[in-house]
Amino acid sequence: MDATEPPGLDVSRARRAGPAADALSGTPGELGPRPKTAPWSALRQGLLWAWRLLAWLLIGLALTSVAAVAVLRWVDPPASAFMLGHARVAAGLGRPPPHYHHRWVPWEQIPTSVRLAAIAAEDQRFSVHHGFDPLEIRKAWTHYQRGGSLRGASTITQQTAKNLFLWPERSWLRKGLEAWLTAWIELLWPKERILEVYLNIVQLSPSTYGVGAASERYFDRPVSELGLEEASLLAGVLPAPGAYRLERPSARLRQRAEWIADQTRRLGGVRYLEKL
C-alpha cells in the first residue's frame, strides 16, 4: 500500500466503482435525481387537454344539430325556439297561459293559395336556390354600400332554421349557426317539407304562430278553406307581424296583399309549386 493512501481505503475498488460511486456521493455533473417538471410544461398540458375537450364538445354539438334536423324531416315539431322564448317572456311577466296560439296543419291541408302567397311574399326563388339566394344577398349589399340600411336577404329556409332552432336577436354567432342549419335543412329535407314547417311555425301576430292558428283566430275558418285574398293578407304581415294587424288590416297591408296576389299569378300559379 502506498504511504500516501489513507488507511483502510481500497483505491482500485473505488476506481472501478466510477460514476456510480460519484452519483451516490452526490458529485456534481454525474447521475443524480431527475429535475422536477417545469410549470410551463404543466400549463401546456392543461391547455392541450382543454382544447381537446372543447373540440369534442363542438363535434358533439354539431352531430346533435344534424341529428335533430334529420329527425324533424319526419317528425312534426311541437313548438319552435321562438315559441318557447315567447312563452318564457310571457311567464316572466306573469301572464296566464296559453302564452301563444299554435296548431300544426299537415301539408295536404295547406291550400295552394297559402303556399304560393308565402313564396311570393318572402322568397320567389325558393324553388331554385339551395338555401341561400346570392342575388338577394348582392342586392342587399349594394343597397348598404350606397348608404342604405343593411336589409335582410333571408330565404324561407334560413327563416325556418332561425325560427325553429335559434333566437331573434341579431349577432354573428346566430348568423353562423343559421347558415350551418340552413345547409343541413336543404340537404336533408325536400322543398315541400321546408315550406310545410315554415308555414307552421312562422309568426303571424305578436302571439300567433303558424297559418293554422292564424286562420282560425283572424278569419274564423280552417286554413284549408282560405282563398287567395285571405292567404295574401296572411303573407302580407310576414315582414313585421308586430306592426301589421290581421284583425284590422290597414290600407298599407291591403295594398301589399294585392301585390302578393298579383305576384302569385306572375310566378305561374300551381305550375310553380310543381317545381318544388
Protein backbone atom coordinates (compact mmCIF):
# COMPACT_ATOMS: atom_id res chain seq x y z
CA MET A 1 0.00 0.00 0.00
CA ASP A 2 1.29 3.49 -0.82
CA ALA A 3 2.29 5.50 2.15
CA THR A 4 0.20 8.45 0.95
CA GLU A 5 -3.09 6.49 0.81
CA PRO A 6 -5.42 6.73 3.84
CA PRO A 7 -5.54 3.54 5.82
CA GLY A 8 -8.39 1.18 5.01
CA LEU A 9 -9.18 2.67 1.55
CA ASP A 10 -9.02 0.29 -1.43
CA VAL A 11 -8.18 2.67 -4.30
CA SER A 12 -8.58 0.04 -7.00
CA ARG A 13 -12.16 -0.74 -5.85
CA ALA A 14 -13.07 2.95 -5.71
CA ARG A 15 -11.81 3.49 -9.27
CA ARG A 16 -13.79 0.51 -10.54
CA ALA A 17 -16.97 1.93 -9.00
CA GLY A 18 -16.60 5.03 -11.27
CA PRO A 19 -19.65 7.24 -11.88
CA ALA A 20 -21.98 5.13 -9.77
CA ALA A 21 -19.94 5.91 -6.74
CA ASP A 22 -19.89 9.59 -7.61
CA ALA A 23 -23.69 9.59 -8.05
CA LEU A 24 -24.17 8.03 -4.66
CA SER A 25 -21.78 10.52 -3.16
CA GLY A 26 -23.58 13.44 -4.79
CA THR A 27 -20.70 14.53 -7.03
CA PRO A 28 -21.88 17.32 -9.42
CA GLY A 29 -22.02 16.58 -13.15
CA GLU A 30 -22.78 12.93 -12.70
CA LEU A 31 -26.02 10.88 -12.44
CA GLY A 32 -28.47 12.16 -9.81
CA PRO A 33 -32.17 12.81 -9.12
CA ARG A 34 -34.35 13.86 -12.13
CA PRO A 35 -35.26 17.56 -12.21
CA LYS A 36 -38.91 18.47 -11.44
CA THR A 37 -41.32 19.22 -14.35
CA ALA A 38 -41.29 22.91 -15.23
CA PRO A 39 -44.53 24.87 -14.54
CA TRP A 40 -44.91 25.91 -18.20
CA SER A 41 -44.95 22.24 -19.24
CA ALA A 42 -47.86 21.51 -16.88
CA LEU A 43 -49.69 24.58 -18.21
CA ARG A 44 -49.18 23.41 -21.78
CA GLN A 45 -50.58 20.00 -20.93
CA GLY A 46 -53.61 21.63 -19.30
CA LEU A 47 -54.29 23.84 -22.32
CA LEU A 48 -53.93 20.89 -24.66
CA TRP A 49 -56.46 18.94 -22.60
CA ALA A 50 -58.87 21.91 -22.61
CA TRP A 51 -58.59 22.30 -26.40
CA ARG A 52 -59.29 18.62 -26.89
CA LEU A 53 -62.32 18.82 -24.61
CA LEU A 54 -63.61 21.88 -26.49
CA ALA A 55 -63.09 20.16 -29.84
CA TRP A 56 -65.04 17.10 -28.73
CA LEU A 57 -67.77 19.32 -27.32
CA LEU A 58 -68.11 21.20 -30.63
CA ILE A 59 -68.15 17.96 -32.58
CA GLY A 60 -70.87 16.62 -30.27
CA LEU A 61 -72.98 19.76 -30.69
CA ALA A 62 -72.56 19.63 -34.46
CA LEU A 63 -73.61 16.00 -34.63
CA THR A 64 -76.56 16.68 -32.31
CA SER A 65 -77.78 19.52 -34.51
CA VAL A 66 -77.55 17.39 -37.65
CA ALA A 67 -79.41 14.56 -35.89
CA ALA A 68 -82.16 16.99 -34.84
CA VAL A 69 -82.54 18.24 -38.41
CA ALA A 70 -82.70 14.65 -39.67
CA VAL A 71 -85.36 13.65 -37.14
CA LEU A 72 -87.52 16.67 -37.92
CA ARG A 73 -87.56 15.62 -41.55
CA TRP A 74 -90.19 13.10 -40.42
CA VAL A 75 -91.40 14.30 -37.02
CA ASP A 76 -93.54 17.44 -36.71
CA PRO A 77 -92.02 19.79 -34.10
CA PRO A 78 -94.49 20.54 -31.28
CA ALA A 79 -93.03 24.03 -30.85
CA SER A 80 -90.21 26.23 -32.11
CA ALA A 81 -87.43 28.08 -30.30
CA PHE A 82 -89.29 31.34 -30.95
CA MET A 83 -92.47 29.96 -29.36
CA LEU A 84 -90.62 28.73 -26.29
CA GLY A 85 -88.84 32.07 -25.97
CA HIS A 86 -92.18 33.87 -26.24
CA ALA A 87 -93.67 31.64 -23.54
CA ARG A 88 -90.70 32.22 -21.23
CA VAL A 89 -91.02 36.00 -21.51
CA ALA A 90 -94.81 35.91 -21.04
CA ALA A 91 -94.48 33.67 -17.98
CA GLY A 92 -91.85 36.00 -16.57
CA LEU A 93 -94.30 38.88 -16.90
CA GLY A 94 -96.91 36.91 -15.01
CA ARG A 95 -99.28 36.45 -17.95
CA PRO A 96 -101.62 33.46 -17.72
CA PRO A 97 -101.38 30.64 -20.30
CA PRO A 98 -101.79 29.98 -23.13
CA HIS A 99 -98.79 32.18 -23.82
CA TYR A 100 -99.11 31.72 -27.58
CA HIS A 101 -101.50 30.22 -30.15
CA HIS A 102 -100.34 27.43 -32.44
CA ARG A 103 -101.84 24.46 -34.25
CA TRP A 104 -99.98 22.20 -36.67
CA VAL A 105 -101.53 21.74 -40.11
CA PRO A 106 -100.21 18.92 -42.33
CA TRP A 107 -99.00 19.68 -45.83
CA GLU A 108 -102.05 18.18 -47.50
CA GLN A 109 -104.37 20.62 -45.67
CA ILE A 110 -102.43 23.76 -46.61
CA PRO A 111 -104.03 25.13 -49.78
CA THR A 112 -102.01 26.17 -52.81
CA SER A 113 -103.11 29.77 -52.26
CA VAL A 114 -101.30 29.91 -48.90
CA ARG A 115 -98.20 28.15 -50.23
CA LEU A 116 -97.92 30.49 -53.21
CA ALA A 117 -98.63 33.63 -51.21
CA ALA A 118 -95.81 32.88 -48.75
CA ILE A 119 -93.35 32.22 -51.58
CA ALA A 120 -94.44 35.35 -53.49
CA ALA A 121 -94.04 37.49 -50.38
CA GLU A 122 -90.80 36.12 -48.94
CA ASP A 123 -88.72 34.07 -51.37
CA GLN A 124 -89.64 33.98 -55.05
CA ARG A 125 -86.54 31.95 -55.97
CA PHE A 126 -87.31 29.33 -53.34
CA SER A 127 -87.61 26.56 -55.95
CA VAL A 128 -84.17 27.14 -57.47
CA HIS A 129 -81.76 28.16 -54.69
CA HIS A 130 -80.09 25.85 -52.18
CA GLY A 131 -80.88 27.73 -49.00
CA PHE A 132 -79.10 30.98 -49.85
CA ASP A 133 -80.05 33.48 -52.55
CA PRO A 134 -76.86 35.10 -53.95
CA LEU A 135 -78.88 37.60 -55.99
CA GLU A 136 -80.76 38.94 -52.96
CA ILE A 137 -77.56 38.99 -50.90
CA ARG A 138 -75.85 41.01 -53.63
CA LYS A 139 -78.81 43.43 -53.82
CA ALA A 140 -78.80 43.92 -50.05
CA TRP A 141 -75.05 44.57 -50.01
CA THR A 142 -75.27 47.07 -52.90
CA HIS A 143 -78.09 48.89 -51.12
CA TYR A 144 -75.96 49.10 -47.98
CA GLN A 145 -72.89 50.38 -49.84
CA ARG A 146 -74.98 53.16 -51.36
CA GLY A 147 -75.85 54.45 -47.91
CA GLY A 148 -79.00 52.48 -47.16
CA SER A 149 -79.70 50.33 -44.15
CA LEU A 150 -78.49 46.72 -44.15
CA ARG A 151 -81.71 44.94 -45.03
CA GLY A 152 -82.32 41.24 -44.71
CA ALA A 153 -81.93 38.78 -47.56
CA SER A 154 -83.02 35.63 -45.73
CA THR A 155 -84.66 32.82 -47.67
CA ILE A 156 -87.55 30.72 -46.41
CA THR A 157 -85.03 28.03 -45.47
CA GLN A 158 -82.96 30.47 -43.42
CA GLN A 159 -86.06 31.77 -41.65
CA THR A 160 -87.10 28.20 -40.89
CA ALA A 161 -83.70 27.42 -39.36
CA LYS A 162 -83.76 30.60 -37.27
CA ASN A 163 -87.35 30.29 -36.05
CA LEU A 164 -87.12 26.58 -35.32
CA PHE A 165 -83.74 26.37 -33.57
CA LEU A 166 -82.36 29.82 -32.68
CA TRP A 167 -83.27 33.23 -31.24
CA PRO A 168 -84.46 36.53 -32.76
CA GLU A 169 -81.61 38.88 -31.71
CA ARG A 170 -79.07 39.57 -34.45
CA SER A 171 -75.45 38.54 -33.93
CA TRP A 172 -72.64 36.97 -35.92
CA LEU A 173 -72.93 33.84 -33.80
CA ARG A 174 -76.61 33.45 -34.67
CA LYS A 175 -75.94 34.08 -38.36
CA GLY A 176 -73.19 31.46 -38.34
CA LEU A 177 -75.41 28.86 -36.69
CA GLU A 178 -78.25 29.81 -39.02
CA ALA A 179 -76.04 29.19 -42.06
CA TRP A 180 -74.93 25.79 -40.67
CA LEU A 181 -78.51 24.67 -40.01
CA THR A 182 -79.75 26.06 -43.33
CA ALA A 183 -77.24 23.98 -45.25
CA TRP A 184 -78.29 20.77 -43.47
CA ILE A 185 -82.01 21.51 -43.83
CA GLU A 186 -81.58 21.96 -47.58
CA LEU A 187 -79.55 18.76 -47.75
CA LEU A 188 -81.89 16.56 -45.70
CA TRP A 189 -85.36 17.99 -46.34
CA PRO A 190 -87.28 18.28 -49.60
CA LYS A 191 -88.62 21.71 -50.51
CA GLU A 192 -92.17 20.71 -49.62
CA ARG A 193 -91.10 19.82 -46.06
CA ILE A 194 -89.22 23.11 -45.66
CA LEU A 195 -92.28 25.08 -46.73
CA GLU A 196 -94.58 22.97 -44.54
CA VAL A 197 -92.52 23.57 -41.41
CA TYR A 198 -92.08 27.25 -42.23
CA LEU A 199 -95.83 27.84 -42.64
CA ASN A 200 -96.50 26.05 -39.34
CA ILE A 201 -94.00 27.96 -37.18
CA VAL A 202 -93.81 31.44 -38.73
CA GLN A 203 -95.03 34.26 -36.51
CA LEU A 204 -98.14 35.99 -37.88
CA SER A 205 -99.09 38.19 -34.91
CA PRO A 206 -97.49 39.00 -31.54
CA SER A 207 -98.82 35.75 -30.03
CA THR A 208 -99.83 33.64 -33.05
CA TYR A 209 -97.58 31.13 -34.82
CA GLY A 210 -98.41 29.17 -37.95
CA VAL A 211 -101.08 29.58 -40.60
CA GLY A 212 -103.41 27.12 -38.85
CA ALA A 213 -103.83 29.17 -35.67
CA ALA A 214 -103.81 32.48 -37.57
CA SER A 215 -106.57 31.36 -39.93
CA GLU A 216 -108.82 30.26 -37.07
CA ARG A 217 -108.17 33.38 -34.98
CA TYR A 218 -108.49 36.05 -37.67
CA PHE A 219 -110.67 34.51 -40.39
CA ASP A 220 -112.75 32.17 -38.23
CA ARG A 221 -112.21 29.21 -40.55
CA PRO A 222 -109.63 26.44 -41.07
CA VAL A 223 -106.68 27.27 -43.26
CA SER A 224 -107.78 24.68 -45.83
CA GLU A 225 -110.71 26.98 -46.72
CA LEU A 226 -108.70 30.16 -47.33
CA GLY A 227 -108.74 31.74 -50.77
CA LEU A 228 -106.07 33.89 -52.39
CA GLU A 229 -107.28 37.13 -50.78
CA GLU A 230 -107.02 35.82 -47.21
CA ALA A 231 -103.79 33.97 -48.00
CA SER A 232 -102.26 37.19 -49.33
CA LEU A 233 -103.25 39.05 -46.17
CA LEU A 234 -101.57 36.34 -44.07
CA ALA A 235 -98.39 36.54 -46.13
CA GLY A 236 -98.54 40.33 -46.07
CA VAL A 237 -97.79 40.54 -42.34
CA LEU A 238 -94.65 38.37 -42.54
CA PRO A 239 -92.09 41.19 -42.66
CA ALA A 240 -93.46 42.74 -39.46
CA PRO A 241 -96.05 40.64 -37.57
CA GLY A 242 -95.95 43.12 -34.72
CA ALA A 243 -96.76 46.12 -36.93
CA TYR A 244 -99.46 44.78 -39.25
CA ARG A 245 -102.76 43.72 -37.69
CA LEU A 246 -104.81 40.97 -39.28
CA GLU A 247 -107.89 41.79 -37.19
CA ARG A 248 -107.87 45.34 -38.59
CA PRO A 249 -105.96 45.32 -41.90
CA SER A 250 -104.61 48.76 -42.73
CA ALA A 251 -104.66 50.28 -46.21
CA ARG A 252 -100.93 49.56 -46.47
CA LEU A 253 -101.43 45.89 -45.60
CA ARG A 254 -104.25 45.56 -48.14
CA GLN A 255 -102.09 47.17 -50.79
CA ARG A 256 -99.28 44.75 -50.03
CA ALA A 257 -101.73 41.83 -50.15
CA GLU A 258 -102.86 42.91 -53.63
CA TRP A 259 -99.24 42.98 -54.77
CA ILE A 260 -98.67 39.48 -53.36
CA ALA A 261 -101.77 38.12 -55.13
CA ASP A 262 -100.50 39.57 -58.40
CA GLN A 263 -97.07 38.04 -57.84
CA THR A 264 -98.55 34.56 -57.33
CA ARG A 265 -100.04 34.78 -60.83
CA ARG A 266 -96.79 36.09 -62.30
CA LEU A 267 -94.91 33.19 -60.75
CA GLY A 268 -97.10 30.79 -62.69
CA GLY A 269 -99.57 29.71 -60.02
CA VAL A 270 -99.79 25.99 -59.38
CA ARG A 271 -97.15 25.31 -62.05
CA TYR A 272 -94.57 26.98 -59.77
CA LEU A 273 -95.33 24.54 -56.95
CA GLU A 274 -94.73 21.63 -59.31
CA LYS A 275 -91.04 22.67 -59.41
CA LEU A 276 -90.56 22.04 -55.70
